[in-house]
Structure formats: structure tokens, C-alpha cells
Amino acid sequence: MGWLQKTLARVGVGGAKAEVSVERDDIQQGQSVTVTLIVHGGEAMQQIDKISFDLCCDFMGWEEVRGAGEQGRKKQRRRITHKLLSWSLSDAFELSKGESRRFETELNVPAETPLSMGDCNVWLETSLDIPMAKDPSTKTPLTIKPSLHLNAVFDVLEAHGLRIEKADCEQDERNPRSFEQVFSWMPVSGAYEGIWRKLDVVVTHKDNALDIGMTVHRQGEGLGDMVGRLVGANKLERSLDVSLDDSVEHVQDALNNVLQKIT
């Protein structure tokens, strides 16, 4: 029986399992939270060499695929998994039959982690490295909220009568290995209603700064609007760089100044 239990544990049947919990359900960009891990032993003793953690997100992008017997390569649009952060607990240990061990670690959410909006998913993947056996893993979904500075940006846009219509996490054309999250805002009241068709906002974190890129899509009429969209004449691009050391009020004042100059 002992030999059979060990063999089954190697293929994941009756082997060790990981139970993961996070300090809070929703986490701000740039925030640190405690992650608690309980490793439950299975039907046989197992050696755990390492516990690995990966903070992941996904986005829509293009990947090269090649089917069996096909010549050349083609690209297919699909969801791509991106690792934002990886770390591990590397102290090896033996886990006896039925034993449970508790571990704690810190998850430092990067500032560039996408928000849990639209089609974007963010999760923590935890894996146990077990020699000569199937490595058990678990995924813990996370809800990511905007940082204080990004939330201040959203508050200003809402105060100008704009509302988020959608948020898309897309492959960055300038860097195919990365992504950008585009927030599309629609004017529903205020000075821009009937003048703007929409406002696309892309926020990029660079070191200790926030780069706010804005593309205004002006509202046109008839054939002129159609031609303007084709040639890009109805678009107006603006950007704003703010330091994360600046106060929330300073960020709001700076963004208000930019918006008030756009007609």
C-alpha cells in the first residue's frame, strides 16, 4: 500500500495540496498585502523543494501559431498570460502524511498592475515544487483597484460629465511582450457632450511617475465625420506626466488645466 500511495502522489492523486488566502479581497495598485499559504499533506510523505508565486494577468494579443503539416507561420488573436511578478520560498522541507504547514509571504502589487475592469483578469498562482511528481498549483483571483493618483484622474473625468464605457487590456504595439489598458470614456453631460464622441485614456507607470495619454475623438456630422475618422482628422492627442510624490489635489488641478484647453 505504501508503494501505491507514493506512486499515486507522484501523479497528483492523494498528493500535497495548497490552500491560499489573501489578506483582503480588493487591493490597490502599488499596495502590499499578506498572503497565507497552508500546505496539506496527502496520503504519503513528500519532499517540497520550493514554493513559487506568480502574479499574473491576461490581455488580448497576437501569437504566432503553426499547425501540424502547415507551411510558414500565421498569427492568431487570443488571450495571452503575462507574469507581472514572481518570487519563491526556497527552503525545502518534508511534508508527512496528513501534515499541514502554514506559511506567510508578502505580495507587493506593482503599480502597473491592470485594474480588474472589462475583460482583464488578475490572479496569484501558487505552485509546489515536488521532485519526480506532478507539481500541484492553485489560482487565486484578485480584484485590483486604482491607486490614489489614478483614482484622482477618474474623479476629474467624472466631474467633467464623462463615464467609463469600457476598459480593454490589449497587447502594446510598441512592445509585444507587454500590454496597455485603455479606458474609453463617453461624455454623458457637461461641456463635452455633443462635441466629443469619446475619450480614450491610457495610463503608464514609469518609475515614480504617471504618464496619462489621452486621445479625444471629436463628434462630426455626415460624410465629413466619416472621412475624418478614416484619416484621423477627428482625433486630438494630449498627455500629462505627474509625479507620484505630487499630492492628489495637484494631479487633479493639472488634469483640469489640460482638459479645459481642449475644445
Protein backbone atom coordinates (compact mmCIF):
# COMPACT_ATOMS: atom_id res chain seq x y z
CA MET A 1 0.00 0.00 0.00
CA GLY A 2 2.83 2.38 0.82
CA TRP A 3 4.36 1.96 -2.65
CA LEU A 4 0.98 2.52 -4.31
CA GLN A 5 0.30 5.67 -2.28
CA LYS A 6 3.68 7.12 -3.22
CA THR A 7 3.11 6.31 -6.91
CA LEU A 8 -0.34 7.94 -6.89
CA ALA A 9 1.05 11.01 -5.09
CA ARG A 10 3.63 11.46 -7.87
CA VAL A 11 0.85 11.86 -10.44
CA GLY A 12 -1.19 14.15 -8.21
CA VAL A 13 -3.63 11.64 -6.75
CA GLY A 14 -3.68 11.88 -2.96
CA GLY A 15 -0.67 14.22 -3.03
CA ALA A 16 0.03 17.53 -1.27
CA LYS A 17 -2.37 20.42 -1.85
CA ALA A 18 -2.03 24.18 -1.40
CA GLU A 19 -4.68 26.40 0.20
CA VAL A 20 -4.12 30.15 -0.38
CA SER A 21 -5.84 33.17 1.14
CA VAL A 22 -5.11 36.88 0.68
CA GLU A 23 -5.39 39.50 3.41
CA ARG A 24 -8.15 41.45 1.62
CA ASP A 25 -10.48 40.91 -1.33
CA ASP A 26 -9.56 44.07 -3.23
CA ILE A 27 -6.08 45.53 -3.50
CA GLN A 28 -4.88 48.91 -4.72
CA GLN A 29 -2.15 49.24 -7.33
CA GLY A 30 1.19 49.54 -5.51
CA GLN A 31 -0.19 48.11 -2.27
CA SER A 32 1.32 45.28 -0.19
CA VAL A 33 -0.80 42.53 1.31
CA THR A 34 -0.11 39.38 3.32
CA VAL A 35 -0.63 36.03 1.60
CA THR A 36 -1.26 32.99 3.79
CA LEU A 37 -0.49 29.53 2.44
CA ILE A 38 -1.42 26.24 4.10
CA VAL A 39 0.17 23.14 2.56
CA HIS A 40 -1.80 19.96 3.31
CA GLY A 41 -0.03 16.63 3.15
CA GLY A 42 -1.53 13.78 1.18
CA GLU A 43 -1.52 10.03 1.51
CA ALA A 44 2.27 9.74 1.55
CA MET A 45 5.29 11.71 2.72
CA GLN A 46 6.57 14.14 0.06
CA GLN A 47 9.59 16.40 -0.34
CA ILE A 48 8.74 20.04 -1.14
CA ASP A 49 11.77 21.75 -2.70
CA LYS A 50 10.24 25.18 -3.25
CA ILE A 51 7.02 27.17 -3.11
CA SER A 52 6.64 29.53 -6.09
CA PHE A 53 4.32 32.51 -6.51
CA ASP A 54 3.43 34.28 -9.77
CA LEU A 55 1.25 37.37 -10.02
CA CYS A 56 -0.36 37.14 -13.46
CA CYS A 57 -2.76 39.00 -15.71
CA ASP A 58 -4.06 38.40 -19.22
CA PHE A 59 -4.64 40.55 -22.28
CA MET A 60 -5.76 40.22 -25.89
CA GLY A 61 -2.93 39.95 -28.38
CA TRP A 62 -1.46 38.13 -31.35
CA GLU A 63 0.53 34.92 -31.11
CA GLU A 64 2.29 33.01 -33.85
CA VAL A 65 0.82 29.56 -34.36
CA ARG A 66 1.76 26.72 -36.64
CA GLY A 67 -0.49 23.76 -37.19
CA ALA A 68 0.62 20.23 -37.96
CA GLY A 69 1.76 19.92 -41.57
CA GLU A 70 1.33 23.64 -42.27
CA GLN A 71 3.97 25.66 -44.05
CA GLY A 72 5.01 29.05 -42.69
CA ARG A 73 3.55 30.82 -39.71
CA LYS A 74 0.34 32.68 -39.06
CA LYS A 75 -0.89 34.86 -36.24
CA GLN A 76 -3.95 34.17 -34.18
CA ARG A 77 -5.67 36.58 -31.80
CA ARG A 78 -6.00 35.09 -28.33
CA ARG A 79 -5.69 35.85 -24.63
CA ILE A 80 -2.05 35.97 -23.51
CA THR A 81 -0.92 35.34 -19.94
CA HIS A 82 1.63 37.82 -18.61
CA LYS A 83 3.66 37.46 -15.41
CA LEU A 84 3.84 40.72 -13.52
CA LEU A 85 5.84 39.44 -10.56
CA SER A 86 7.50 36.18 -9.44
CA TRP A 87 9.07 35.13 -6.16
CA SER A 88 9.54 31.97 -4.11
CA LEU A 89 10.06 30.46 -0.68
CA SER A 90 13.08 28.28 -1.34
CA ASP A 91 13.57 26.43 1.98
CA ALA A 92 12.99 22.73 1.26
CA PHE A 93 11.03 20.61 3.72
CA GLU A 94 9.42 17.22 4.10
CA LEU A 95 5.65 17.01 4.45
CA SER A 96 4.43 13.93 6.31
CA LYS A 97 1.23 12.09 5.54
CA GLY A 98 -1.74 14.20 6.63
CA GLU A 99 0.51 17.01 7.97
CA SER A 100 -0.34 20.69 7.41
CA ARG A 101 2.13 23.57 7.38
CA ARG A 102 1.38 27.29 7.37
CA PHE A 103 3.43 29.97 5.60
CA GLU A 104 3.08 33.72 5.18
CA THR A 105 4.57 35.95 2.50
CA GLU A 106 4.12 39.49 1.21
CA LEU A 107 2.57 40.29 -2.15
CA ASN A 108 3.81 43.70 -3.35
CA VAL A 109 1.40 44.55 -6.15
CA PRO A 110 3.27 46.50 -8.87
CA ALA A 111 1.90 49.94 -9.71
CA GLU A 112 1.46 48.90 -13.36
CA THR A 113 -0.88 46.01 -12.49
CA PRO A 114 -4.04 46.41 -14.62
CA LEU A 115 -7.35 47.16 -12.96
CA SER A 116 -9.99 44.47 -12.62
CA MET A 117 -12.24 46.06 -15.21
CA GLY A 118 -13.63 44.89 -18.50
CA ASP A 119 -12.11 41.66 -19.77
CA CYS A 120 -8.91 41.81 -17.70
CA ASN A 121 -8.20 39.08 -15.15
CA VAL A 122 -5.55 39.23 -12.41
CA TRP A 123 -4.64 36.26 -10.24
CA LEU A 124 -1.99 34.80 -7.95
CA GLU A 125 -0.69 31.40 -9.00
CA THR A 126 0.93 29.26 -6.30
CA SER A 127 2.92 26.12 -7.12
CA LEU A 128 4.64 23.44 -5.03
CA ASP A 129 7.89 22.11 -6.50
CA ILE A 130 7.87 18.37 -5.73
CA PRO A 131 10.73 16.24 -7.19
CA MET A 132 9.67 13.47 -9.57
CA ALA A 133 5.99 14.31 -9.13
CA LYS A 134 3.27 16.43 -10.68
CA ASP A 135 3.57 19.91 -9.16
CA PRO A 136 0.23 20.97 -7.64
CA SER A 137 -0.80 24.56 -8.22
CA THR A 138 -3.70 26.84 -7.38
CA LYS A 139 -5.02 30.11 -8.80
CA THR A 140 -6.39 32.83 -6.52
CA PRO A 141 -8.39 35.54 -8.36
CA LEU A 142 -7.60 39.10 -7.25
CA THR A 143 -9.54 42.35 -7.58
CA ILE A 144 -7.25 45.29 -8.35
CA LYS A 145 -8.44 48.84 -7.63
CA PRO A 146 -6.89 52.10 -8.88
CA SER A 147 -4.15 53.79 -6.88
CA LEU A 148 -4.92 57.09 -5.17
CA HIS A 149 -3.42 59.07 -8.08
CA LEU A 150 -5.27 57.11 -10.77
CA ASN A 151 -8.49 57.34 -8.79
CA ALA A 152 -7.98 61.13 -8.70
CA VAL A 153 -7.74 61.10 -12.51
CA PHE A 154 -11.02 59.16 -12.74
CA ASP A 155 -12.73 61.59 -10.34
CA VAL A 156 -11.78 64.56 -12.55
CA LEU A 157 -13.10 62.87 -15.70
CA GLU A 158 -16.38 62.03 -13.97
CA ALA A 159 -16.68 65.63 -12.75
CA HIS A 160 -16.50 66.74 -16.41
CA GLY A 161 -19.51 64.59 -17.28
CA LEU A 162 -17.62 61.55 -18.61
CA ARG A 163 -18.44 57.93 -17.77
CA ILE A 164 -16.41 54.79 -18.45
CA GLU A 165 -17.92 52.81 -21.30
CA LYS A 166 -15.33 50.01 -21.38
CA ALA A 167 -11.81 49.03 -20.41
CA ASP A 168 -9.69 46.86 -22.70
CA CYS A 169 -6.39 45.20 -21.87
CA GLU A 170 -4.52 44.95 -25.18
CA GLN A 171 -1.08 43.99 -26.42
CA ASP A 172 1.20 47.02 -26.62
CA GLU A 173 2.07 47.54 -30.30
CA ARG A 174 5.39 49.14 -29.31
CA ASN A 175 6.29 46.24 -27.02
CA PRO A 176 4.59 42.93 -27.97
CA ARG A 177 5.77 41.33 -24.73
CA SER A 178 3.75 43.81 -22.69
CA PHE A 179 0.27 45.35 -22.62
CA GLU A 180 -1.64 48.56 -22.09
CA GLN A 181 -5.06 49.10 -20.54
CA VAL A 182 -7.28 51.50 -22.49
CA PHE A 183 -10.17 53.22 -20.70
CA SER A 184 -12.86 54.54 -23.04
CA TRP A 185 -14.93 57.41 -21.61
CA MET A 186 -18.19 58.71 -23.06
CA PRO A 187 -19.49 62.26 -22.46
CA VAL A 188 -22.99 61.97 -20.97
CA SER A 189 -23.31 65.53 -19.65
CA GLY A 190 -21.32 68.74 -19.29
CA ALA A 191 -19.30 70.80 -21.76
CA TYR A 192 -18.10 67.89 -23.91
CA GLU A 193 -21.48 66.28 -24.59
CA GLY A 194 -22.22 66.50 -28.30
CA ILE A 195 -18.65 67.73 -29.01
CA TRP A 196 -16.62 64.65 -28.15
CA ARG A 197 -17.57 61.20 -29.33
CA LYS A 198 -15.33 59.57 -26.75
CA LEU A 199 -12.08 59.95 -24.82
CA ASP A 200 -9.52 57.12 -24.69
CA VAL A 201 -7.16 57.19 -21.72
CA VAL A 202 -4.01 55.09 -21.32
CA VAL A 203 -2.11 55.38 -18.06
CA THR A 204 1.52 54.21 -17.95
CA HIS A 205 3.65 53.96 -14.82
CA LYS A 206 7.28 55.00 -15.32
CA ASP A 207 9.50 54.79 -12.26
CA ASN A 208 7.92 57.25 -9.82
CA ALA A 209 5.68 58.97 -12.38
CA LEU A 210 2.31 58.57 -14.04
CA ASP A 211 2.06 59.18 -17.80
CA ILE A 212 -1.54 59.95 -18.77
CA GLY A 213 -2.12 59.65 -22.51
CA MET A 214 -5.44 60.97 -23.85
CA THR A 215 -6.98 60.67 -27.30
CA VAL A 216 -10.06 62.81 -27.94
CA HIS A 217 -12.40 61.57 -30.67
CA ARG A 218 -14.39 64.60 -31.80
CA GLN A 219 -18.01 64.32 -32.84
CA GLY A 220 -18.61 65.08 -36.51
CA GLU A 221 -21.53 65.04 -38.91
CA GLY A 222 -22.33 63.20 -42.12
CA LEU A 223 -19.70 62.47 -44.75
CA GLY A 224 -17.18 64.80 -43.09
CA ASP A 225 -17.29 62.71 -39.93
CA MET A 226 -16.74 59.51 -41.91
CA VAL A 227 -13.76 60.94 -43.78
CA GLY A 228 -12.36 62.43 -40.57
CA ARG A 229 -12.39 59.06 -38.88
CA LEU A 230 -10.62 57.41 -41.81
CA VAL A 231 -7.78 59.93 -41.93
CA GLY A 232 -7.62 60.61 -38.20
CA ALA A 233 -8.60 64.27 -38.53
CA ASN A 234 -11.20 63.92 -35.77
CA LYS A 235 -8.58 62.85 -33.23
CA LEU A 236 -6.66 65.05 -30.85
CA GLU A 237 -3.91 63.68 -28.61
CA ARG A 238 -2.75 65.13 -25.31
CA SER A 239 -0.54 63.82 -22.49
CA LEU A 240 0.25 64.68 -18.92
CA ASP A 241 3.11 63.49 -16.71
CA VAL A 242 2.70 63.70 -12.93
CA SER A 243 4.98 62.56 -10.13
CA LEU A 244 3.67 60.07 -7.60
CA ASP A 245 5.17 62.38 -4.99
CA ASP A 246 2.65 65.07 -6.02
CA SER A 247 -0.49 65.45 -3.97
CA VAL A 248 -3.80 64.17 -5.29
CA GLU A 249 -5.01 67.77 -5.48
CA HIS A 250 -2.04 68.75 -7.67
CA VAL A 251 -2.77 65.88 -10.06
CA GLN A 252 -6.41 66.95 -10.33
CA ASP A 253 -5.51 70.60 -10.94
CA ALA A 254 -3.00 69.64 -13.65
CA LEU A 255 -5.52 67.40 -15.44
CA ASN A 256 -8.24 70.05 -15.20
CA ASN A 257 -5.91 72.55 -16.88
CA VAL A 258 -5.27 70.15 -19.76
CA LEU A 259 -8.96 69.35 -20.27
CA GLN A 260 -10.02 72.99 -20.20
CA LYS A 261 -7.67 73.76 -23.10
CA ILE A 262 -9.21 71.07 -25.32
CA THR A 263 -12.08 72.22 -27.49
